[in-house]
């Protein structure tokens, strides 16, 4: 695969180059030894009674609060060869988010039944699982719950291997202040993701791939769908969870990294810390580990730690990262 990092391309041109190359990525992924479920018979939905239906089947009522108001919670994780990653932790966070919304969920056994049902329909490789719970219909008293299973986008491989460029955007609040306002649901994974998606679209319109939010106090918060991690002199650092979502995958990374000899720390970070870091990543449940190659148009190397951390994190289809 041609290394985009070795070419002196402006960030915007590099972004467009990556976008154009995703069209032919499936064949290239196979050559690199990365197994992805490139085609499921159909994206499928697992209901909590164990029934599996096609995603084209009617499911959500027009008066469902999840549709009308974004009133609900969700979790997303990656399944590899039929085994979901960190499922217990994702289910636990789903329950925490639901409690913050005063939303009562069905028992975990029902979620496991739906997950097992959709996994039985899938091929070997990687599969994205989305666990969704809404408040249900207007005037009703039961949540709407289902599990959506779909093949990952080929862009996933590009982001893991070639990296991503980010813009720093003001989130408009201070983390510890908003943490004291539970009605803002800052630490819940809710269906109300319009602002997060708007931020990513803004980044794409301005020649970047993703976003890192910064608090009003100048401290780093999180990405729209990911946790920020930096490396500095053998130390991995992630921001405190005040006012942001507590990441499942970053906890797994820190446990595995500590066992491999890394030091880990939760501590405030600033934009200057990102520029000075030996490595910078966005970490999440499906993308897993995406190295950041530019911040606000300032290029930065992927560095040798990416390959080591990808191995520690057991990123599927691991390939050797160019030692930029």
C-alpha atoms as a PDB file:
ATOM      1  CA  UNK A   1       0.000   0.000   0.000  1.00  0.00           C
ATOM      2  CA  UNK A   2       1.345   3.412  -0.927  1.00  0.00           C
ATOM      3  CA  UNK A   3       2.264   5.364   2.189  1.00  0.00           C
ATOM      4  CA  UNK A   4       0.509   8.732   2.195  1.00  0.00           C
ATOM      5  CA  UNK A   5       2.685   9.828   5.093  1.00  0.00           C
ATOM      6  CA  UNK A   6       5.836   9.763   2.958  1.00  0.00           C
ATOM      7  CA  UNK A   7       4.368  12.177   0.460  1.00  0.00           C
ATOM      8  CA  UNK A   8       4.453  15.893   1.213  1.00  0.00           C
ATOM      9  CA  UNK A   9       0.761  16.437   0.545  1.00  0.00           C
ATOM     10  CA  UNK A  10      -1.302  19.205   2.136  1.00  0.00           C
ATOM     11  CA  UNK A  11      -3.742  17.858   4.699  1.00  0.00           C
ATOM     12  CA  UNK A  12      -6.762  18.596   2.503  1.00  0.00           C
ATOM     13  CA  UNK A  13      -5.263  16.887  -0.534  1.00  0.00           C
ATOM     14  CA  UNK A  14      -4.200  13.923   1.595  1.00  0.00           C
ATOM     15  CA  UNK A  15      -7.763  13.620   2.919  1.00  0.00           C
ATOM     16  CA  UNK A  16      -9.198  13.548  -0.606  1.00  0.00           C
ATOM     17  CA  UNK A  17      -6.578  11.000  -1.655  1.00  0.00           C
ATOM     18  CA  UNK A  18      -7.591   8.696   1.205  1.00  0.00           C
ATOM     19  CA  UNK A  19     -11.258   9.100   0.341  1.00  0.00           C
ATOM     20  CA  UNK A  20     -10.689   8.154  -3.317  1.00  0.00           C
ATOM     21  CA  UNK A  21      -8.643   5.097  -2.415  1.00  0.00           C
ATOM     22  CA  UNK A  22     -11.382   3.558  -0.275  1.00  0.00           C
ATOM     23  CA  UNK A  23     -13.262   2.495  -3.415  1.00  0.00           C
ATOM     24  CA  UNK A  24     -10.703  -0.212  -4.232  1.00  0.00           C
ATOM     25  CA  UNK A  25      -9.843  -1.014  -0.637  1.00  0.00           C
ATOM     26  CA  UNK A  26     -11.507  -4.418  -0.268  1.00  0.00           C
ATOM     27  CA  UNK A  27      -9.061  -6.154  -2.615  1.00  0.00           C
ATOM     28  CA  UNK A  28      -6.118  -4.401  -1.018  1.00  0.00           C
ATOM     29  CA  UNK A  29      -7.271  -5.403   2.455  1.00  0.00           C
ATOM     30  CA  UNK A  30      -7.202  -9.041   1.393  1.00  0.00           C
ATOM     31  CA  UNK A  31      -3.637  -8.617   0.117  1.00  0.00           C
ATOM     32  CA  UNK A  32      -2.620  -7.140   3.465  1.00  0.00           C
ATOM     33  CA  UNK A  33      -4.041 -10.109   5.309  1.00  0.00           C
ATOM     34  CA  UNK A  34      -6.869  -8.253   7.015  1.00  0.00           C
ATOM     35  CA  UNK A  35     -10.103 -10.184   7.251  1.00  0.00           C
ATOM     36  CA  UNK A  36     -13.259  -8.090   7.171  1.00  0.00           C
ATOM     37  CA  UNK A  37     -16.826  -9.215   6.566  1.00  0.00           C
ATOM     38  CA  UNK A  38     -17.057  -7.347   3.283  1.00  0.00           C
ATOM     39  CA  UNK A  39     -20.529  -8.597   2.520  1.00  0.00           C
ATOM     40  CA  UNK A  40     -23.172  -9.863   4.865  1.00  0.00           C
ATOM     41  CA  UNK A  41     -26.215 -11.369   3.207  1.00  0.00           C
ATOM     42  CA  UNK A  42     -27.936  -8.257   4.569  1.00  0.00           C
ATOM     43  CA  UNK A  43     -27.440  -5.969   7.498  1.00  0.00           C
ATOM     44  CA  UNK A  44     -29.466  -7.741  10.140  1.00  0.00           C
ATOM     45  CA  UNK A  45     -31.333  -6.789  13.284  1.00  0.00           C
ATOM     46  CA  UNK A  46     -31.598  -9.010  16.331  1.00  0.00           C
ATOM     47  CA  UNK A  47     -34.633  -8.571  18.549  1.00  0.00           C
ATOM     48  CA  UNK A  48     -34.356  -9.365  22.220  1.00  0.00           C
ATOM     49  CA  UNK A  49     -36.563 -12.442  21.874  1.00  0.00           C
ATOM     50  CA  UNK A  50     -33.906 -13.985  19.599  1.00  0.00           C
ATOM     51  CA  UNK A  51     -35.676 -13.200  16.332  1.00  0.00           C
ATOM     52  CA  UNK A  52     -33.487 -11.961  13.467  1.00  0.00           C
ATOM     53  CA  UNK A  53     -34.931  -9.711  10.761  1.00  0.00           C
ATOM     54  CA  UNK A  54     -33.529  -7.848   7.797  1.00  0.00           C
ATOM     55  CA  UNK A  55     -32.693  -4.196   8.409  1.00  0.00           C
ATOM     56  CA  UNK A  56     -35.258  -3.283   5.726  1.00  0.00           C
ATOM     57  CA  UNK A  57     -38.066  -4.685   7.900  1.00  0.00           C
ATOM     58  CA  UNK A  58     -40.307  -2.167   9.723  1.00  0.00           C
ATOM     59  CA  UNK A  59     -39.150  -1.806  13.302  1.00  0.00           C
ATOM     60  CA  UNK A  60     -39.423   1.746  14.684  1.00  0.00           C
ATOM     61  CA  UNK A  61     -42.846   3.343  15.121  1.00  0.00           C
ATOM     62  CA  UNK A  62     -43.234   6.912  13.935  1.00  0.00           C
ATOM     63  CA  UNK A  63     -43.988   8.074  17.485  1.00  0.00           C
ATOM     64  CA  UNK A  64     -40.953   6.396  19.074  1.00  0.00           C
ATOM     65  CA  UNK A  65     -39.116   8.810  21.360  1.00  0.00           C
ATOM     66  CA  UNK A  66     -35.792   7.604  20.032  1.00  0.00           C
ATOM     67  CA  UNK A  67     -36.813   8.930  16.614  1.00  0.00           C
ATOM     68  CA  UNK A  68     -38.686  12.029  17.758  1.00  0.00           C
ATOM     69  CA  UNK A  69     -36.267  13.231  20.444  1.00  0.00           C
ATOM     70  CA  UNK A  70     -33.138  11.100  20.347  1.00  0.00           C
ATOM     71  CA  UNK A  71     -34.266   9.799  23.749  1.00  0.00           C
ATOM     72  CA  UNK A  72     -32.334   6.604  24.229  1.00  0.00           C
ATOM     73  CA  UNK A  73     -28.913   5.022  24.613  1.00  0.00           C
ATOM     74  CA  UNK A  74     -26.641   2.805  22.578  1.00  0.00           C
ATOM     75  CA  UNK A  75     -23.349   0.948  22.535  1.00  0.00           C
ATOM     76  CA  UNK A  76     -21.141  -0.066  19.630  1.00  0.00           C
ATOM     77  CA  UNK A  77     -18.459  -2.716  19.600  1.00  0.00           C
ATOM     78  CA  UNK A  78     -16.550  -4.921  17.204  1.00  0.00           C
ATOM     79  CA  UNK A  79     -17.049  -8.669  16.921  1.00  0.00           C
ATOM     80  CA  UNK A  80     -14.124 -10.652  15.503  1.00  0.00           C
ATOM     81  CA  UNK A  81     -14.800 -14.170  14.215  1.00  0.00           C
ATOM     82  CA  UNK A  82     -18.031 -14.292  16.183  1.00  0.00           C
ATOM     83  CA  UNK A  83     -16.635 -12.970  19.476  1.00  0.00           C
ATOM     84  CA  UNK A  84     -17.614  -9.427  20.582  1.00  0.00           C
ATOM     85  CA  UNK A  85     -14.819  -7.396  22.127  1.00  0.00           C
ATOM     86  CA  UNK A  86     -15.308  -6.262  25.734  1.00  0.00           C
ATOM     87  CA  UNK A  87     -18.996  -7.147  25.660  1.00  0.00           C
ATOM     88  CA  UNK A  88     -19.487  -7.190  29.436  1.00  0.00           C
ATOM     89  CA  UNK A  89     -17.990  -3.702  29.728  1.00  0.00           C
ATOM     90  CA  UNK A  90     -20.149  -2.346  26.913  1.00  0.00           C
ATOM     91  CA  UNK A  91     -23.289  -3.818  28.445  1.00  0.00           C
ATOM     92  CA  UNK A  92     -22.338  -2.327  31.809  1.00  0.00           C
ATOM     93  CA  UNK A  93     -21.874   1.110  30.227  1.00  0.00           C
ATOM     94  CA  UNK A  94     -25.204   0.735  28.434  1.00  0.00           C
ATOM     95  CA  UNK A  95     -26.863   0.252  31.820  1.00  0.00           C
ATOM     96  CA  UNK A  96     -25.019   3.253  33.297  1.00  0.00           C
ATOM     97  CA  UNK A  97     -26.163   5.457  30.400  1.00  0.00           C
ATOM     98  CA  UNK A  98     -29.730   4.189  30.742  1.00  0.00           C
ATOM     99  CA  UNK A  99     -29.745   4.926  34.479  1.00  0.00           C
ATOM    100  CA  UNK A 100     -28.667   8.502  33.753  1.00  0.00           C
ATOM    101  CA  UNK A 101     -31.766   8.815  31.535  1.00  0.00           C
ATOM    102  CA  UNK A 102     -34.030   7.017  34.061  1.00  0.00           C
ATOM    103  CA  UNK A 103     -34.539   4.379  31.382  1.00  0.00           C
ATOM    104  CA  UNK A 104     -35.181   0.824  32.568  1.00  0.00           C
ATOM    105  CA  UNK A 105     -33.624  -1.791  30.280  1.00  0.00           C
ATOM    106  CA  UNK A 106     -34.448  -5.477  29.846  1.00  0.00           C
ATOM    107  CA  UNK A 107     -32.240  -8.003  31.621  1.00  0.00           C
ATOM    108  CA  UNK A 108     -28.768  -8.631  30.201  1.00  0.00           C
ATOM    109  CA  UNK A 109     -29.791 -12.161  29.234  1.00  0.00           C
ATOM    110  CA  UNK A 110     -32.160 -10.702  26.622  1.00  0.00           C
ATOM    111  CA  UNK A 111     -29.339  -8.652  25.093  1.00  0.00           C
ATOM    112  CA  UNK A 112     -27.121 -11.728  24.971  1.00  0.00           C
ATOM    113  CA  UNK A 113     -29.889 -13.642  23.186  1.00  0.00           C
ATOM    114  CA  UNK A 114     -30.141 -10.956  20.480  1.00  0.00           C
ATOM    115  CA  UNK A 115     -26.366 -10.728  20.096  1.00  0.00           C
ATOM    116  CA  UNK A 116     -25.998 -14.503  19.786  1.00  0.00           C
ATOM    117  CA  UNK A 117     -28.754 -14.539  17.177  1.00  0.00           C
ATOM    118  CA  UNK A 118     -27.125 -11.977  14.867  1.00  0.00           C
ATOM    119  CA  UNK A 119     -23.667 -13.496  15.288  1.00  0.00           C
ATOM    120  CA  UNK A 120     -25.079 -16.848  14.183  1.00  0.00           C
ATOM    121  CA  UNK A 121     -26.058 -15.144  10.904  1.00  0.00           C
ATOM    122  CA  UNK A 122     -22.616 -13.689  10.211  1.00  0.00           C
ATOM    123  CA  UNK A 123     -19.473 -14.939   8.512  1.00  0.00           C
ATOM    124  CA  UNK A 124     -15.980 -15.002   9.954  1.00  0.00           C
ATOM    125  CA  UNK A 125     -14.126 -11.708  10.179  1.00  0.00           C
ATOM    126  CA  UNK A 126     -15.107  -8.354  11.632  1.00  0.00           C
ATOM    127  CA  UNK A 127     -18.641  -7.239  12.370  1.00  0.00           C
ATOM    128  CA  UNK A 128     -19.944  -4.028  13.906  1.00  0.00           C
ATOM    129  CA  UNK A 129     -22.540  -4.564  16.631  1.00  0.00           C
ATOM    130  CA  UNK A 130     -24.797  -1.712  17.731  1.00  0.00           C
ATOM    131  CA  UNK A 131     -26.945  -2.186  20.824  1.00  0.00           C
ATOM    132  CA  UNK A 132     -29.816   0.307  20.788  1.00  0.00           C
ATOM    133  CA  UNK A 133     -32.461   1.137  23.390  1.00  0.00           C
ATOM    134  CA  UNK A 134     -35.005   3.959  23.033  1.00  0.00           C
ATOM    135  CA  UNK A 135     -37.611   5.115  25.532  1.00  0.00           C
ATOM    136  CA  UNK A 136     -40.222   3.561  23.287  1.00  0.00           C
ATOM    137  CA  UNK A 137     -43.465   4.875  21.910  1.00  0.00           C
ATOM    138  CA  UNK A 138     -45.153   8.064  23.007  1.00  0.00           C
ATOM    139  CA  UNK A 139     -47.553   7.146  25.779  1.00  0.00           C
ATOM    140  CA  UNK A 140     -46.046   3.688  26.132  1.00  0.00           C
ATOM    141  CA  UNK A 141     -44.150   2.125  29.007  1.00  0.00           C
ATOM    142  CA  UNK A 142     -41.722  -0.249  27.294  1.00  0.00           C
ATOM    143  CA  UNK A 143     -38.385   0.606  25.642  1.00  0.00           C
ATOM    144  CA  UNK A 144     -37.611  -0.291  22.044  1.00  0.00           C
ATOM    145  CA  UNK A 145     -34.496  -2.472  22.020  1.00  0.00           C
ATOM    146  CA  UNK A 146     -32.550  -4.226  19.289  1.00  0.00           C
ATOM    147  CA  UNK A 147     -29.065  -5.177  18.100  1.00  0.00           C
ATOM    148  CA  UNK A 148     -27.912  -4.083  14.645  1.00  0.00           C
ATOM    149  CA  UNK A 149     -25.136  -6.068  12.941  1.00  0.00           C
ATOM    150  CA  UNK A 150     -23.329  -4.777   9.856  1.00  0.00           C
ATOM    151  CA  UNK A 151     -20.024  -5.096   8.041  1.00  0.00           C
ATOM    152  CA  UNK A 152     -17.498  -2.368   8.885  1.00  0.00           C
ATOM    153  CA  UNK A 153     -16.692   0.306   6.350  1.00  0.00           C
ATOM    154  CA  UNK A 154     -13.495  -0.208   4.321  1.00  0.00           C
ATOM    155  CA  UNK A 155     -12.500   3.234   5.584  1.00  0.00           C
ATOM    156  CA  UNK A 156     -11.871   1.559   8.931  1.00  0.00           C
ATOM    157  CA  UNK A 157      -8.679  -0.029   7.650  1.00  0.00           C
ATOM    158  CA  UNK A 158      -7.429   3.252   6.186  1.00  0.00           C
ATOM    159  CA  UNK A 159      -7.894   5.029   9.501  1.00  0.00           C
ATOM    160  CA  UNK A 160      -6.085   2.302  11.437  1.00  0.00           C
ATOM    161  CA  UNK A 161      -3.137   2.041   9.081  1.00  0.00           C
ATOM    162  CA  UNK A 162      -2.683   5.411   7.325  1.00  0.00           C
ATOM    163  CA  UNK A 163      -3.987   7.464  10.233  1.00  0.00           C
ATOM    164  CA  UNK A 164      -6.318  10.445  10.474  1.00  0.00           C
ATOM    165  CA  UNK A 165      -6.012  14.229  10.560  1.00  0.00           C
ATOM    166  CA  UNK A 166      -7.970  16.173  13.176  1.00  0.00           C
ATOM    167  CA  UNK A 167      -9.150  19.671  13.937  1.00  0.00           C
ATOM    168  CA  UNK A 168      -9.344  21.041  17.472  1.00  0.00           C
ATOM    169  CA  UNK A 169     -12.847  22.431  18.077  1.00  0.00           C
ATOM    170  CA  UNK A 170     -14.215  24.301  21.069  1.00  0.00           C
ATOM    171  CA  UNK A 171     -16.780  22.221  22.972  1.00  0.00           C
ATOM    172  CA  UNK A 172     -18.091  25.303  24.793  1.00  0.00           C
ATOM    173  CA  UNK A 173     -17.875  23.954  28.344  1.00  0.00           C
ATOM    174  CA  UNK A 174     -15.426  22.951  31.055  1.00  0.00           C
ATOM    175  CA  UNK A 175     -15.342  19.233  31.842  1.00  0.00           C
ATOM    176  CA  UNK A 176     -15.632  19.368  35.630  1.00  0.00           C
ATOM    177  CA  UNK A 177     -18.358  22.020  35.444  1.00  0.00           C
ATOM    178  CA  UNK A 178     -20.602  20.014  33.155  1.00  0.00           C
ATOM    179  CA  UNK A 179     -19.971  16.874  35.223  1.00  0.00           C
ATOM    180  CA  UNK A 180     -21.855  18.637  38.044  1.00  0.00           C
ATOM    181  CA  UNK A 181     -24.893  19.076  35.758  1.00  0.00           C
ATOM    182  CA  UNK A 182     -26.281  15.531  35.278  1.00  0.00           C
ATOM    183  CA  UNK A 183     -29.194  16.757  33.175  1.00  0.00           C
ATOM    184  CA  UNK A 184     -26.695  17.532  30.393  1.00  0.00           C
ATOM    185  CA  UNK A 185     -25.896  13.784  30.183  1.00  0.00           C
ATOM    186  CA  UNK A 186     -22.279  14.518  29.306  1.00  0.00           C
ATOM    187  CA  UNK A 187     -21.094  11.083  30.459  1.00  0.00           C
ATOM    188  CA  UNK A 188     -23.913   9.094  28.860  1.00  0.00           C
ATOM    189  CA  UNK A 189     -23.806   7.453  25.435  1.00  0.00           C
ATOM    190  CA  UNK A 190     -27.137   8.710  24.146  1.00  0.00           C
ATOM    191  CA  UNK A 191     -28.781   8.616  20.736  1.00  0.00           C
ATOM    192  CA  UNK A 192     -28.515  12.422  20.572  1.00  0.00           C
ATOM    193  CA  UNK A 193     -25.393  12.441  18.383  1.00  0.00           C
ATOM    194  CA  UNK A 194     -26.328  15.229  15.966  1.00  0.00           C
ATOM    195  CA  UNK A 195     -23.730  17.626  17.386  1.00  0.00           C
ATOM    196  CA  UNK A 196     -20.991  14.984  17.227  1.00  0.00           C
ATOM    197  CA  UNK A 197     -21.773  14.182  13.617  1.00  0.00           C
ATOM    198  CA  UNK A 198     -21.977  17.883  12.745  1.00  0.00           C
ATOM    199  CA  UNK A 199     -18.465  18.318  14.145  1.00  0.00           C
ATOM    200  CA  UNK A 200     -17.113  15.515  11.950  1.00  0.00           C
ATOM    201  CA  UNK A 201     -18.815  16.982   8.885  1.00  0.00           C
ATOM    202  CA  UNK A 202     -17.264  20.341   9.720  1.00  0.00           C
ATOM    203  CA  UNK A 203     -13.850  18.683   9.869  1.00  0.00           C
ATOM    204  CA  UNK A 204     -14.364  17.005   6.491  1.00  0.00           C
ATOM    205  CA  UNK A 205     -15.435  20.286   4.896  1.00  0.00           C
ATOM    206  CA  UNK A 206     -12.201  21.822   6.162  1.00  0.00           C
ATOM    207  CA  UNK A 207      -9.868  19.098   4.913  1.00  0.00           C
ATOM    208  CA  UNK A 208      -9.599  16.907   8.027  1.00  0.00           C
ATOM    209  CA  UNK A 209     -10.943  13.503   8.998  1.00  0.00           C
ATOM    210  CA  UNK A 210     -12.071  13.955  12.592  1.00  0.00           C
ATOM    211  CA  UNK A 211     -12.199  16.233  15.609  1.00  0.00           C
ATOM    212  CA  UNK A 212     -10.759  16.544  19.095  1.00  0.00           C
ATOM    213  CA  UNK A 213     -12.903  18.697  21.364  1.00  0.00           C
ATOM    214  CA  UNK A 214     -11.287  21.259  23.654  1.00  0.00           C
ATOM    215  CA  UNK A 215     -12.933  22.681  26.769  1.00  0.00           C
ATOM    216  CA  UNK A 216     -13.448  26.357  27.426  1.00  0.00           C
ATOM    217  CA  UNK A 217     -10.494  26.140  29.840  1.00  0.00           C
ATOM    218  CA  UNK A 218      -8.180  24.944  27.058  1.00  0.00           C
ATOM    219  CA  UNK A 219      -8.084  21.317  28.203  1.00  0.00           C
ATOM    220  CA  UNK A 220      -8.480  18.379  25.844  1.00  0.00           C
ATOM    221  CA  UNK A 221     -11.777  16.499  26.197  1.00  0.00           C
ATOM    222  CA  UNK A 222     -12.529  13.736  23.644  1.00  0.00           C
ATOM    223  CA  UNK A 223     -13.351  13.052  20.021  1.00  0.00           C
ATOM    224  CA  UNK A 224     -16.946  12.862  18.741  1.00  0.00           C
ATOM    225  CA  UNK A 225     -16.771   9.056  18.896  1.00  0.00           C
ATOM    226  CA  UNK A 226     -13.432   8.323  20.535  1.00  0.00           C
ATOM    227  CA  UNK A 227     -11.114   8.800  23.506  1.00  0.00           C
ATOM    228  CA  UNK A 228      -7.856  10.740  23.194  1.00  0.00           C
ATOM    229  CA  UNK A 229      -4.580   9.019  24.158  1.00  0.00           C
ATOM    230  CA  UNK A 230      -1.058  10.424  23.960  1.00  0.00           C
ATOM    231  CA  UNK A 231       2.349   8.821  24.551  1.00  0.00           C
ATOM    232  CA  UNK A 232       5.233  10.641  26.164  1.00  0.00           C
ATOM    233  CA  UNK A 233       8.505   9.005  27.243  1.00  0.00           C
ATOM    234  CA  UNK A 234       6.994   5.562  27.787  1.00  0.00           C
ATOM    235  CA  UNK A 235       3.879   6.968  29.475  1.00  0.00           C
ATOM    236  CA  UNK A 236       0.339   6.741  28.070  1.00  0.00           C
ATOM    237  CA  UNK A 237      -1.983   9.567  29.124  1.00  0.00           C
ATOM    238  CA  UNK A 238      -5.717  10.066  28.628  1.00  0.00           C
ATOM    239  CA  UNK A 239      -7.855  12.977  29.904  1.00  0.00           C
ATOM    240  CA  UNK A 240     -10.014  12.684  33.053  1.00  0.00           C
ATOM    241  CA  UNK A 241     -13.575  11.542  32.417  1.00  0.00           C
ATOM    242  CA  UNK A 242     -15.139  14.669  33.921  1.00  0.00           C
ATOM    243  CA  UNK A 243     -17.808  15.740  31.455  1.00  0.00           C
ATOM    244  CA  UNK A 244     -16.916  13.112  28.841  1.00  0.00           C
ATOM    245  CA  UNK A 245     -17.718   9.481  28.118  1.00  0.00           C
ATOM    246  CA  UNK A 246     -15.635   6.906  29.978  1.00  0.00           C
ATOM    247  CA  UNK A 247     -14.002   4.832  27.251  1.00  0.00           C
ATOM    248  CA  UNK A 248     -14.199   1.027  27.330  1.00  0.00           C
ATOM    249  CA  UNK A 249     -11.421   0.421  24.800  1.00  0.00           C
ATOM    250  CA  UNK A 250      -8.996   2.838  26.434  1.00  0.00           C
ATOM    251  CA  UNK A 251      -9.362   0.925  29.702  1.00  0.00           C
ATOM    252  CA  UNK A 252      -8.533  -2.288  27.883  1.00  0.00           C
ATOM    253  CA  UNK A 253      -5.563  -0.600  26.205  1.00  0.00           C
ATOM    254  CA  UNK A 254      -4.220   0.741  29.495  1.00  0.00           C
ATOM    255  CA  UNK A 255      -4.526  -2.644  31.236  1.00  0.00           C
ATOM    256  CA  UNK A 256      -2.716  -4.420  28.405  1.00  0.00           C
ATOM    257  CA  UNK A 257      -0.113  -1.681  28.046  1.00  0.00           C
ATOM    258  CA  UNK A 258       0.669  -1.735  31.770  1.00  0.00           C
ATOM    259  CA  UNK A 259       1.189  -5.488  31.575  1.00  0.00           C
ATOM    260  CA  UNK A 260       3.590  -4.892  28.669  1.00  0.00           C
ATOM    261  CA  UNK A 261       5.682  -2.418  30.639  1.00  0.00           C
ATOM    262  CA  UNK A 262       4.093   0.930  29.803  1.00  0.00           C
ATOM    263  CA  UNK A 263       3.171   3.425  32.489  1.00  0.00           C
ATOM    264  CA  UNK A 264      -0.372   4.787  32.260  1.00  0.00           C
ATOM    265  CA  UNK A 265      -1.992   7.895  33.677  1.00  0.00           C
ATOM    266  CA  UNK A 266      -5.203   9.860  33.631  1.00  0.00           C
ATOM    267  CA  UNK A 267      -4.269  13.547  33.617  1.00  0.00           C
ATOM    268  CA  UNK A 268      -5.313  16.862  32.027  1.00  0.00           C
ATOM    269  CA  UNK A 269      -3.935  17.524  28.537  1.00  0.00           C
ATOM    270  CA  UNK A 270      -3.638  20.703  26.486  1.00  0.00           C
ATOM    271  CA  UNK A 271      -3.186  21.278  22.743  1.00  0.00           C
ATOM    272  CA  UNK A 272       0.516  21.856  23.420  1.00  0.00           C
ATOM    273  CA  UNK A 273       0.703  18.359  24.932  1.00  0.00           C
ATOM    274  CA  UNK A 274      -0.675  16.922  21.694  1.00  0.00           C
ATOM    275  CA  UNK A 275       2.001  18.673  19.636  1.00  0.00           C
ATOM    276  CA  UNK A 276       4.780  17.537  21.984  1.00  0.00           C
ATOM    277  CA  UNK A 277       3.611  13.922  22.289  1.00  0.00           C
ATOM    278  CA  UNK A 278       5.587  10.984  20.905  1.00  0.00           C
ATOM    279  CA  UNK A 279       2.295   9.511  19.699  1.00  0.00           C
ATOM    280  CA  UNK A 280      -1.344  10.583  19.501  1.00  0.00           C
ATOM    281  CA  UNK A 281      -4.362   8.341  18.917  1.00  0.00           C
ATOM    282  CA  UNK A 282      -8.135   8.278  18.883  1.00  0.00           C
ATOM    283  CA  UNK A 283      -9.293   5.075  20.573  1.00  0.00           C
ATOM    284  CA  UNK A 284     -12.787   3.585  20.225  1.00  0.00           C
ATOM    285  CA  UNK A 285     -14.721   0.333  20.217  1.00  0.00           C
ATOM    286  CA  UNK A 286     -14.803  -0.250  16.444  1.00  0.00           C
ATOM    287  CA  UNK A 287     -11.934   1.767  15.013  1.00  0.00           C
ATOM    288  CA  UNK A 288      -9.873   0.624  18.029  1.00  0.00           C
ATOM    289  CA  UNK A 289      -6.631   2.571  17.492  1.00  0.00           C
ATOM    290  CA  UNK A 290      -6.318   5.355  14.911  1.00  0.00           C
ATOM    291  CA  UNK A 291      -3.027   7.288  14.863  1.00  0.00           C
ATOM    292  CA  UNK A 292      -3.347  11.043  14.380  1.00  0.00           C
ATOM    293  CA  UNK A 293      -1.156  12.308  11.541  1.00  0.00           C
ATOM    294  CA  UNK A 294      -2.012  16.021  11.667  1.00  0.00           C
ATOM    295  CA  UNK A 295      -3.515  18.464  14.181  1.00  0.00           C
ATOM    296  CA  UNK A 296      -4.997  21.675  12.753  1.00  0.00           C
ATOM    297  CA  UNK A 297      -2.938  21.125   9.593  1.00  0.00           C
ATOM    298  CA  UNK A 298       0.345  20.523  11.437  1.00  0.00           C
ATOM    299  CA  UNK A 299       1.703  17.133  10.309  1.00  0.00           C
ATOM    300  CA  UNK A 300       3.001  14.704  12.891  1.00  0.00           C
ATOM    301  CA  UNK A 301       4.567  11.232  12.491  1.00  0.00           C
ATOM    302  CA  UNK A 302       2.720   8.056  13.346  1.00  0.00           C
ATOM    303  CA  UNK A 303       5.786   6.786  15.188  1.00  0.00           C
ATOM    304  CA  UNK A 304       6.848   3.267  16.160  1.00  0.00           C
ATOM    305  CA  UNK A 305       4.564   3.044  19.226  1.00  0.00           C
ATOM    306  CA  UNK A 306       1.498   2.618  17.004  1.00  0.00           C
ATOM    307  CA  UNK A 307       2.485  -0.858  15.858  1.00  0.00           C
ATOM    308  CA  UNK A 308       3.305  -1.915  19.418  1.00  0.00           C
ATOM    309  CA  UNK A 309       0.047  -0.595  20.857  1.00  0.00           C
ATOM    310  CA  UNK A 310      -1.966  -2.112  18.005  1.00  0.00           C
ATOM    311  CA  UNK A 311      -0.469  -5.475  18.846  1.00  0.00           C
ATOM    312  CA  UNK A 312      -1.105  -4.971  22.556  1.00  0.00           C
ATOM    313  CA  UNK A 313      -4.707  -4.028  21.820  1.00  0.00           C
ATOM    314  CA  UNK A 314      -5.070  -7.031  19.471  1.00  0.00           C
ATOM    315  CA  UNK A 315      -6.214  -4.952  16.523  1.00  0.00           C
ATOM    316  CA  UNK A 316      -7.484  -7.450  13.911  1.00  0.00           C
ATOM    317  CA  UNK A 317      -5.476  -7.755  10.706  1.00  0.00           C
ATOM    318  CA  UNK A 318      -2.467  -6.113  12.295  1.00  0.00           C
ATOM    319  CA  UNK A 319       0.069  -4.961   9.720  1.00  0.00           C
ATOM    320  CA  UNK A 320       3.462  -3.438  10.272  1.00  0.00           C
ATOM    321  CA  UNK A 321       3.220   0.325  10.508  1.00  0.00           C
ATOM    322  CA  UNK A 322       5.695   2.404   8.540  1.00  0.00           C
ATOM    323  CA  UNK A 323       8.285   3.773  10.930  1.00  0.00           C
ATOM    324  CA  UNK A 324       7.682   7.408  10.166  1.00  0.00           C
END
